[in-house]
């Protein structure tokens, strides 16, 4: 039985040739946007607030050398309460 990390790594390695530009998309409670941005300090981040301002869509472009870097990034953001990875 594979874990979500192993499954994600296998899919990434199947569809990407490393190094590769990877796009993360998250829905974040608006008060937590800086937490997400702080995990990606050197990467391009774009934001779009929801109509009511409760949530913010955060898109991050990351040049990754391996699938392990992507898995590690997802693990880092998983600790942020209320975040949804798309």
PDB file of N, CA and C in Angstrom:
ATOM      1  N   UNK A   1       0.846  -1.191   0.000  1.00  0.00           N
ATOM      2  CA  UNK A   1       0.000   0.000   0.000  1.00  0.00           C
ATOM      3  C   UNK A   1       0.885   1.247   0.000  1.00  0.00           C
ATOM      4  N   UNK A   2       0.673   2.113  -0.963  1.00  0.00           N
ATOM      5  CA  UNK A   2       1.528   3.297  -1.062  1.00  0.00           C
ATOM      6  C   UNK A   2       0.904   4.468  -0.306  1.00  0.00           C
ATOM      7  N   UNK A   3       1.761   5.313   0.186  1.00  0.00           N
ATOM      8  CA  UNK A   3       1.310   6.516   0.873  1.00  0.00           C
ATOM      9  C   UNK A   3       1.031   7.593  -0.169  1.00  0.00           C
ATOM     10  N   UNK A   4       0.392   8.677   0.261  1.00  0.00           N
ATOM     11  CA  UNK A   4       0.120   9.767  -0.676  1.00  0.00           C
ATOM     12  C   UNK A   4       1.421  10.346  -1.214  1.00  0.00           C
ATOM     13  N   UNK A   5       2.475  10.339  -0.386  1.00  0.00           N
ATOM     14  CA  UNK A   5       3.771  10.868  -0.846  1.00  0.00           C
ATOM     15  C   UNK A   5       4.347  10.010  -1.965  1.00  0.00           C
ATOM     16  N   UNK A   6       4.312   8.702  -1.784  1.00  0.00           N
ATOM     17  CA  UNK A   6       4.832   7.802  -2.818  1.00  0.00           C
ATOM     18  C   UNK A   6       4.005   7.908  -4.093  1.00  0.00           C
ATOM     19  N   UNK A   7       2.689   7.976  -3.938  1.00  0.00           N
ATOM     20  CA  UNK A   7       1.797   8.087  -5.091  1.00  0.00           C
ATOM     21  C   UNK A   7       2.058   9.389  -5.858  1.00  0.00           C
ATOM     22  N   UNK A   8       2.187  10.490  -5.125  1.00  0.00           N
ATOM     23  CA  UNK A   8       2.454  11.782  -5.765  1.00  0.00           C
ATOM     24  C   UNK A   8       3.805  11.753  -6.463  1.00  0.00           C
ATOM     25  N   UNK A   9       4.819  11.232  -5.796  1.00  0.00           N
ATOM     26  CA  UNK A   9       6.162  11.168  -6.384  1.00  0.00           C
ATOM     27  C   UNK A   9       6.146  10.364  -7.683  1.00  0.00           C
ATOM     28  N   UNK A  10       5.441   9.224  -7.684  1.00  0.00           N
ATOM     29  CA  UNK A  10       5.351   8.399  -8.894  1.00  0.00           C
ATOM     30  C   UNK A  10       4.682   9.154 -10.041  1.00  0.00           C
ATOM     31  N   UNK A  11       3.588   9.856  -9.739  1.00  0.00           N
ATOM     32  CA  UNK A  11       2.890  10.631 -10.771  1.00  0.00           C
ATOM     33  C   UNK A  11       3.753  11.761 -11.302  1.00  0.00           C
ATOM     34  N   UNK A  12       4.421  12.463 -10.404  1.00  0.00           N
ATOM     35  CA  UNK A  12       5.292  13.563 -10.832  1.00  0.00           C
ATOM     36  C   UNK A  12       6.409  13.043 -11.736  1.00  0.00           C
ATOM     37  N   UNK A  13       7.013  11.937 -11.342  1.00  0.00           N
ATOM     38  CA  UNK A  13       8.115  11.383 -12.139  1.00  0.00           C
ATOM     39  C   UNK A  13       7.635  10.857 -13.485  1.00  0.00           C
ATOM     40  N   UNK A  14       6.373  10.458 -13.566  1.00  0.00           N
ATOM     41  CA  UNK A  14       5.823   9.972 -14.820  1.00  0.00           C
ATOM     42  C   UNK A  14       5.562  11.124 -15.801  1.00  0.00           C
ATOM     43  N   UNK A  15       5.131  12.273 -15.278  1.00  0.00           N
ATOM     44  CA  UNK A  15       4.703  13.364 -16.155  1.00  0.00           C
ATOM     45  C   UNK A  15       5.690  14.521 -16.291  1.00  0.00           C
ATOM     46  N   UNK A  16       6.733  14.553 -15.493  1.00  0.00           N
ATOM     47  CA  UNK A  16       7.702  15.650 -15.551  1.00  0.00           C
ATOM     48  C   UNK A  16       9.093  15.103 -15.812  1.00  0.00           C
ATOM     49  N   UNK A  17       9.900  15.895 -16.500  1.00  0.00           N
ATOM     50  CA  UNK A  17      11.327  15.632 -16.662  1.00  0.00           C
ATOM     51  C   UNK A  17      12.039  16.662 -15.809  1.00  0.00           C
ATOM     52  N   UNK A  18      12.812  16.208 -14.853  1.00  0.00           N
ATOM     53  CA  UNK A  18      13.448  17.119 -13.899  1.00  0.00           C
ATOM     54  C   UNK A  18      14.783  17.621 -14.409  1.00  0.00           C
ATOM     55  N   UNK A  19      15.122  18.876 -14.152  1.00  0.00           N
ATOM     56  CA  UNK A  19      14.355  19.898 -13.433  1.00  0.00           C
ATOM     57  C   UNK A  19      13.158  20.371 -14.262  1.00  0.00           C
ATOM     58  N   UNK A  20      12.141  20.886 -13.538  1.00  0.00           N
ATOM     59  CA  UNK A  20      10.928  21.336 -14.213  1.00  0.00           C
ATOM     60  C   UNK A  20      10.259  22.458 -13.420  1.00  0.00           C
ATOM     61  N   UNK A  21       9.526  23.288 -14.143  1.00  0.00           N
ATOM     62  CA  UNK A  21       8.730  24.338 -13.507  1.00  0.00           C
ATOM     63  C   UNK A  21       7.414  23.705 -13.071  1.00  0.00           C
ATOM     64  N   UNK A  22       7.088  23.841 -11.793  1.00  0.00           N
ATOM     65  CA  UNK A  22       5.874  23.244 -11.240  1.00  0.00           C
ATOM     66  C   UNK A  22       4.986  24.360 -10.699  1.00  0.00           C
ATOM     67  N   UNK A  23       3.678  24.241 -10.902  1.00  0.00           N
ATOM     68  CA  UNK A  23       2.732  25.234 -10.427  1.00  0.00           C
ATOM     69  C   UNK A  23       1.908  24.664  -9.288  1.00  0.00           C
ATOM     70  N   UNK A  24       1.988  25.320  -8.144  1.00  0.00           N
ATOM     71  CA  UNK A  24       1.153  24.985  -6.998  1.00  0.00           C
ATOM     72  C   UNK A  24      -0.043  25.917  -7.012  1.00  0.00           C
ATOM     73  N   UNK A  25      -1.222  25.397  -6.662  1.00  0.00           N
ATOM     74  CA  UNK A  25      -2.411  26.226  -6.508  1.00  0.00           C
ATOM     75  C   UNK A  25      -3.057  25.854  -5.185  1.00  0.00           C
ATOM     76  N   UNK A  26      -3.294  26.879  -4.372  1.00  0.00           N
ATOM     77  CA  UNK A  26      -3.890  26.678  -3.064  1.00  0.00           C
ATOM     78  C   UNK A  26      -5.046  27.649  -2.862  1.00  0.00           C
ATOM     79  N   UNK A  27      -6.040  27.217  -2.094  1.00  0.00           N
ATOM     80  CA  UNK A  27      -7.070  28.106  -1.581  1.00  0.00           C
ATOM     81  C   UNK A  27      -6.738  28.246  -0.097  1.00  0.00           C
ATOM     82  N   UNK A  28      -6.569  29.487   0.338  1.00  0.00           N
ATOM     83  CA  UNK A  28      -6.057  29.750   1.673  1.00  0.00           C
ATOM     84  C   UNK A  28      -6.979  30.719   2.400  1.00  0.00           C
ATOM     85  N   UNK A  29      -7.289  30.462   3.681  1.00  0.00           N
ATOM     86  CA  UNK A  29      -8.001  31.494   4.439  1.00  0.00           C
ATOM     87  C   UNK A  29      -7.173  32.778   4.361  1.00  0.00           C
ATOM     88  N   UNK A  30      -7.813  33.904   4.107  1.00  0.00           N
ATOM     89  CA  UNK A  30      -7.076  35.140   3.831  1.00  0.00           C
ATOM     90  C   UNK A  30      -6.069  35.512   4.908  1.00  0.00           C
ATOM     91  N   UNK A  31      -6.317  35.152   6.137  1.00  0.00           N
ATOM     92  CA  UNK A  31      -5.373  35.455   7.210  1.00  0.00           C
ATOM     93  C   UNK A  31      -4.134  34.593   7.219  1.00  0.00           C
ATOM     94  N   UNK A  32      -4.079  33.587   6.377  1.00  0.00           N
ATOM     95  CA  UNK A  32      -2.951  32.641   6.352  1.00  0.00           C
ATOM     96  C   UNK A  32      -2.060  32.783   5.117  1.00  0.00           C
ATOM     97  N   UNK A  33      -2.339  33.761   4.278  1.00  0.00           N
ATOM     98  CA  UNK A  33      -1.589  33.920   3.024  1.00  0.00           C
ATOM     99  C   UNK A  33      -0.101  34.124   3.287  1.00  0.00           C
ATOM    100  N   UNK A  34       0.246  34.932   4.254  1.00  0.00           N
ATOM    101  CA  UNK A  34       1.665  35.193   4.529  1.00  0.00           C
ATOM    102  C   UNK A  34       2.386  33.927   4.968  1.00  0.00           C
ATOM    103  N   UNK A  35       1.699  33.047   5.690  1.00  0.00           N
ATOM    104  CA  UNK A  35       2.308  31.767   6.085  1.00  0.00           C
ATOM    105  C   UNK A  35       2.709  30.967   4.855  1.00  0.00           C
ATOM    106  N   UNK A  36       1.826  30.938   3.870  1.00  0.00           N
ATOM    107  CA  UNK A  36       2.118  30.206   2.637  1.00  0.00           C
ATOM    108  C   UNK A  36       3.279  30.871   1.907  1.00  0.00           C
ATOM    109  N   UNK A  37       3.204  32.179   1.738  1.00  0.00           N
ATOM    110  CA  UNK A  37       4.262  32.898   1.019  1.00  0.00           C
ATOM    111  C   UNK A  37       5.616  32.725   1.702  1.00  0.00           C
ATOM    112  N   UNK A  38       5.636  32.656   3.022  1.00  0.00           N
ATOM    113  CA  UNK A  38       6.894  32.492   3.747  1.00  0.00           C
ATOM    114  C   UNK A  38       7.545  31.136   3.482  1.00  0.00           C
ATOM    115  N   UNK A  39       6.758  30.154   3.086  1.00  0.00           N
ATOM    116  CA  UNK A  39       7.313  28.836   2.758  1.00  0.00           C
ATOM    117  C   UNK A  39       7.950  28.804   1.365  1.00  0.00           C
ATOM    118  N   UNK A  40       7.664  29.833   0.565  1.00  0.00           N
ATOM    119  CA  UNK A  40       8.187  29.928  -0.807  1.00  0.00           C
ATOM    120  C   UNK A  40       8.821  31.306  -1.026  1.00  0.00           C
ATOM    121  N   UNK A  41       9.807  31.671  -0.200  1.00  0.00           N
ATOM    122  CA  UNK A  41      10.315  33.045  -0.224  1.00  0.00           C
ATOM    123  C   UNK A  41      10.986  33.486  -1.528  1.00  0.00           C
ATOM    124  N   UNK A  42      11.506  32.549  -2.310  1.00  0.00           N
ATOM    125  CA  UNK A  42      12.231  32.936  -3.525  1.00  0.00           C
ATOM    126  C   UNK A  42      11.463  32.619  -4.799  1.00  0.00           C
ATOM    127  N   UNK A  43      10.186  32.280  -4.668  1.00  0.00           N
ATOM    128  CA  UNK A  43       9.405  31.866  -5.831  1.00  0.00           C
ATOM    129  C   UNK A  43       8.333  32.889  -6.189  1.00  0.00           C
ATOM    130  N   UNK A  44       7.923  32.857  -7.444  1.00  0.00           N
ATOM    131  CA  UNK A  44       6.898  33.776  -7.937  1.00  0.00           C
ATOM    132  C   UNK A  44       5.541  33.376  -7.367  1.00  0.00           C
ATOM    133  N   UNK A  45       4.880  34.334  -6.694  1.00  0.00           N
ATOM    134  CA  UNK A  45       3.587  34.081  -6.066  1.00  0.00           C
ATOM    135  C   UNK A  45       2.572  35.095  -6.593  1.00  0.00           C
ATOM    136  N   UNK A  46       1.404  34.598  -6.991  1.00  0.00           N
ATOM    137  CA  UNK A  46       0.314  35.495  -7.352  1.00  0.00           C
ATOM    138  C   UNK A  46      -0.880  35.162  -6.463  1.00  0.00           C
ATOM    139  N   UNK A  47      -1.671  36.191  -6.160  1.00  0.00           N
ATOM    140  CA  UNK A  47      -2.807  36.036  -5.260  1.00  0.00           C
ATOM    141  C   UNK A  47      -4.057  36.638  -5.885  1.00  0.00           C
ATOM    142  N   UNK A  48      -5.198  36.052  -5.544  1.00  0.00           N
ATOM    143  CA  UNK A  48      -6.480  36.616  -5.941  1.00  0.00           C
ATOM    144  C   UNK A  48      -7.469  36.359  -4.816  1.00  0.00           C
ATOM    145  N   UNK A  49      -7.966  37.439  -4.217  1.00  0.00           N
ATOM    146  CA  UNK A  49      -8.911  37.317  -3.110  1.00  0.00           C
ATOM    147  C   UNK A  49     -10.294  36.936  -3.624  1.00  0.00           C
ATOM    148  N   UNK A  50     -11.025  36.184  -2.793  1.00  0.00           N
ATOM    149  CA  UNK A  50     -12.397  35.830  -3.136  1.00  0.00           C
ATOM    150  C   UNK A  50     -13.269  37.080  -3.057  1.00  0.00           C
ATOM    151  N   UNK A  51     -14.450  36.988  -3.611  1.00  0.00           N
ATOM    152  CA  UNK A  51     -15.352  38.137  -3.654  1.00  0.00           C
ATOM    153  C   UNK A  51     -15.623  38.702  -2.261  1.00  0.00           C
ATOM    154  N   UNK A  52     -15.820  37.826  -1.294  1.00  0.00           N
ATOM    155  CA  UNK A  52     -16.089  38.271   0.079  1.00  0.00           C
ATOM    156  C   UNK A  52     -14.809  38.521   0.877  1.00  0.00           C
ATOM    157  N   UNK A  53     -13.666  38.143   0.313  1.00  0.00           N
ATOM    158  CA  UNK A  53     -12.388  38.368   0.990  1.00  0.00           C
ATOM    159  C   UNK A  53     -12.041  37.332   2.040  1.00  0.00           C
ATOM    160  N   UNK A  54     -12.842  36.292   2.145  1.00  0.00           N
ATOM    161  CA  UNK A  54     -12.609  35.259   3.149  1.00  0.00           C
ATOM    162  C   UNK A  54     -11.432  34.368   2.785  1.00  0.00           C
ATOM    163  N   UNK A  55     -11.313  34.076   1.501  1.00  0.00           N
ATOM    164  CA  UNK A  55     -10.263  33.191   1.010  1.00  0.00           C
ATOM    165  C   UNK A  55      -9.447  33.889  -0.070  1.00  0.00           C
ATOM    166  N   UNK A  56      -8.240  33.377  -0.256  1.00  0.00           N
ATOM    167  CA  UNK A  56      -7.362  33.879  -1.304  1.00  0.00           C
ATOM    168  C   UNK A  56      -6.832  32.691  -2.091  1.00  0.00           C
ATOM    169  N   UNK A  57      -6.888  32.812  -3.406  1.00  0.00           N
ATOM    170  CA  UNK A  57      -6.285  31.822  -4.286  1.00  0.00           C
ATOM    171  C   UNK A  57      -4.807  32.201  -4.430  1.00  0.00           C
ATOM    172  N   UNK A  58      -3.937  31.268  -4.133  1.00  0.00           N
ATOM    173  CA  UNK A  58      -2.494  31.514  -4.208  1.00  0.00           C
ATOM    174  C   UNK A  58      -1.894  30.556  -5.234  1.00  0.00           C
ATOM    175  N   UNK A  59      -1.197  31.118  -6.219  1.00  0.00           N
ATOM    176  CA  UNK A  59      -0.523  30.330  -7.245  1.00  0.00           C
ATOM    177  C   UNK A  59       0.976  30.585  -7.110  1.00  0.00           C
ATOM    178  N   UNK A  60       1.747  29.512  -7.096  1.00  0.00           N
ATOM    179  CA  UNK A  60       3.194  29.619  -6.911  1.00  0.00           C
ATOM    180  C   UNK A  60       3.896  28.850  -8.017  1.00  0.00           C
ATOM    181  N   UNK A  61       4.846  29.498  -8.657  1.00  0.00           N
ATOM    182  CA  UNK A  61       5.691  28.868  -9.681  1.00  0.00           C
ATOM    183  C   UNK A  61       7.014  28.496  -9.009  1.00  0.00           C
ATOM    184  N   UNK A  62       7.380  27.222  -9.116  1.00  0.00           N
ATOM    185  CA  UNK A  62       8.612  26.755  -8.475  1.00  0.00           C
ATOM    186  C   UNK A  62       9.416  25.910  -9.455  1.00  0.00           C
ATOM    187  N   UNK A  63      10.667  26.257  -9.635  1.00  0.00           N
ATOM    188  CA  UNK A  63      11.572  25.429 -10.428  1.00  0.00           C
ATOM    189  C   UNK A  63      12.130  24.376  -9.476  1.00  0.00           C
ATOM    190  N   UNK A  64      11.789  23.121  -9.740  1.00  0.00           N
ATOM    191  CA  UNK A  64      12.204  22.029  -8.862  1.00  0.00           C
ATOM    192  C   UNK A  64      13.202  21.135  -9.574  1.00  0.00           C
ATOM    193  N   UNK A  65      14.178  20.656  -8.822  1.00  0.00           N
ATOM    194  CA  UNK A  65      15.184  19.751  -9.377  1.00  0.00           C
ATOM    195  C   UNK A  65      14.706  18.308  -9.375  1.00  0.00           C
ATOM    196  N   UNK A  66      13.826  17.961  -8.400  1.00  0.00           N
ATOM    197  CA  UNK A  66      13.342  16.583  -8.272  1.00  0.00           C
ATOM    198  C   UNK A  66      11.890  16.581  -7.787  1.00  0.00           C
ATOM    199  N   UNK A  67      11.242  15.445  -7.940  1.00  0.00           N
ATOM    200  CA  UNK A  67       9.877  15.303  -7.423  1.00  0.00           C
ATOM    201  C   UNK A  67       9.863  15.401  -5.901  1.00  0.00           C
ATOM    202  N   UNK A  68      10.949  15.027  -5.267  1.00  0.00           N
ATOM    203  CA  UNK A  68      11.022  15.081  -3.799  1.00  0.00           C
ATOM    204  C   UNK A  68      10.851  16.517  -3.294  1.00  0.00           C
ATOM    205  N   UNK A  69      11.345  17.501  -4.040  1.00  0.00           N
ATOM    206  CA  UNK A  69      11.171  18.907  -3.640  1.00  0.00           C
ATOM    207  C   UNK A  69       9.693  19.294  -3.643  1.00  0.00           C
ATOM    208  N   UNK A  70       8.935  18.779  -4.599  1.00  0.00           N
ATOM    209  CA  UNK A  70       7.501  19.069  -4.687  1.00  0.00           C
ATOM    210  C   UNK A  70       6.773  18.418  -3.519  1.00  0.00           C
ATOM    211  N   UNK A  71       7.088  17.152  -3.251  1.00  0.00           N
ATOM    212  CA  UNK A  71       6.465  16.437  -2.138  1.00  0.00           C
ATOM    213  C   UNK A  71       6.766  17.158  -0.824  1.00  0.00           C
ATOM    214  N   UNK A  72       8.003  17.584  -0.636  1.00  0.00           N
ATOM    215  CA  UNK A  72       8.386  18.292   0.590  1.00  0.00           C
ATOM    216  C   UNK A  72       7.619  19.610   0.731  1.00  0.00           C
ATOM    217  N   UNK A  73       7.414  20.309  -0.378  1.00  0.00           N
ATOM    218  CA  UNK A  73       6.657  21.563  -0.337  1.00  0.00           C
ATOM    219  C   UNK A  73       5.213  21.315   0.080  1.00  0.00           C
ATOM    220  N   UNK A  74       4.590  20.272  -0.477  1.00  0.00           N
ATOM    221  CA  UNK A  74       3.221  19.934  -0.078  1.00  0.00           C
ATOM    222  C   UNK A  74       3.159  19.559   1.402  1.00  0.00           C
ATOM    223  N   UNK A  75       4.171  18.861   1.892  1.00  0.00           N
ATOM    224  CA  UNK A  75       4.208  18.518   3.309  1.00  0.00           C
ATOM    225  C   UNK A  75       4.292  19.777   4.160  1.00  0.00           C
ATOM    226  N   UNK A  76       5.083  20.741   3.742  1.00  0.00           N
ATOM    227  CA  UNK A  76       5.234  21.989   4.492  1.00  0.00           C
ATOM    228  C   UNK A  76       3.919  22.748   4.606  1.00  0.00           C
ATOM    229  N   UNK A  77       3.203  22.871   3.495  1.00  0.00           N
ATOM    230  CA  UNK A  77       1.952  23.644   3.536  1.00  0.00           C
ATOM    231  C   UNK A  77       0.831  22.890   4.233  1.00  0.00           C
ATOM    232  N   UNK A  78       0.937  21.571   4.334  1.00  0.00           N
ATOM    233  CA  UNK A  78      -0.133  20.798   4.963  1.00  0.00           C
ATOM    234  C   UNK A  78      -0.334  21.156   6.425  1.00  0.00           C
ATOM    235  N   UNK A  79       0.650  21.797   7.034  1.00  0.00           N
ATOM    236  CA  UNK A  79       0.540  22.219   8.430  1.00  0.00           C
ATOM    237  C   UNK A  79      -0.239  23.505   8.604  1.00  0.00           C
ATOM    238  N   UNK A  80      -0.622  24.161   7.527  1.00  0.00           N
ATOM    239  CA  UNK A  80      -1.366  25.421   7.611  1.00  0.00           C
ATOM    240  C   UNK A  80      -2.852  25.108   7.695  1.00  0.00           C
ATOM    241  N   UNK A  81      -3.463  25.537   8.774  1.00  0.00           N
ATOM    242  CA  UNK A  81      -4.869  25.243   9.009  1.00  0.00           C
ATOM    243  C   UNK A  81      -5.768  25.871   7.936  1.00  0.00           C
ATOM    244  N   UNK A  82      -6.654  25.058   7.389  1.00  0.00           N
ATOM    245  CA  UNK A  82      -7.645  25.551   6.436  1.00  0.00           C
ATOM    246  C   UNK A  82      -7.200  25.603   4.989  1.00  0.00           C
ATOM    247  N   UNK A  83      -5.956  25.228   4.700  1.00  0.00           N
ATOM    248  CA  UNK A  83      -5.459  25.302   3.321  1.00  0.00           C
ATOM    249  C   UNK A  83      -6.041  24.154   2.480  1.00  0.00           C
ATOM    250  N   UNK A  84      -6.319  24.461   1.227  1.00  0.00           N
ATOM    251  CA  UNK A  84      -6.792  23.452   0.278  1.00  0.00           C
ATOM    252  C   UNK A  84      -5.836  23.470  -0.907  1.00  0.00           C
ATOM    253  N   UNK A  85      -5.236  22.324  -1.210  1.00  0.00           N
ATOM    254  CA  UNK A  85      -4.358  22.211  -2.378  1.00  0.00           C
ATOM    255  C   UNK A  85      -5.188  21.760  -3.553  1.00  0.00           C
ATOM    256  N   UNK A  86      -5.040  22.442  -4.680  1.00  0.00           N
ATOM    257  CA  UNK A  86      -5.783  22.072  -5.890  1.00  0.00           C
ATOM    258  C   UNK A  86      -4.878  21.308  -6.839  1.00  0.00           C
TER     259      UNK A  86
END
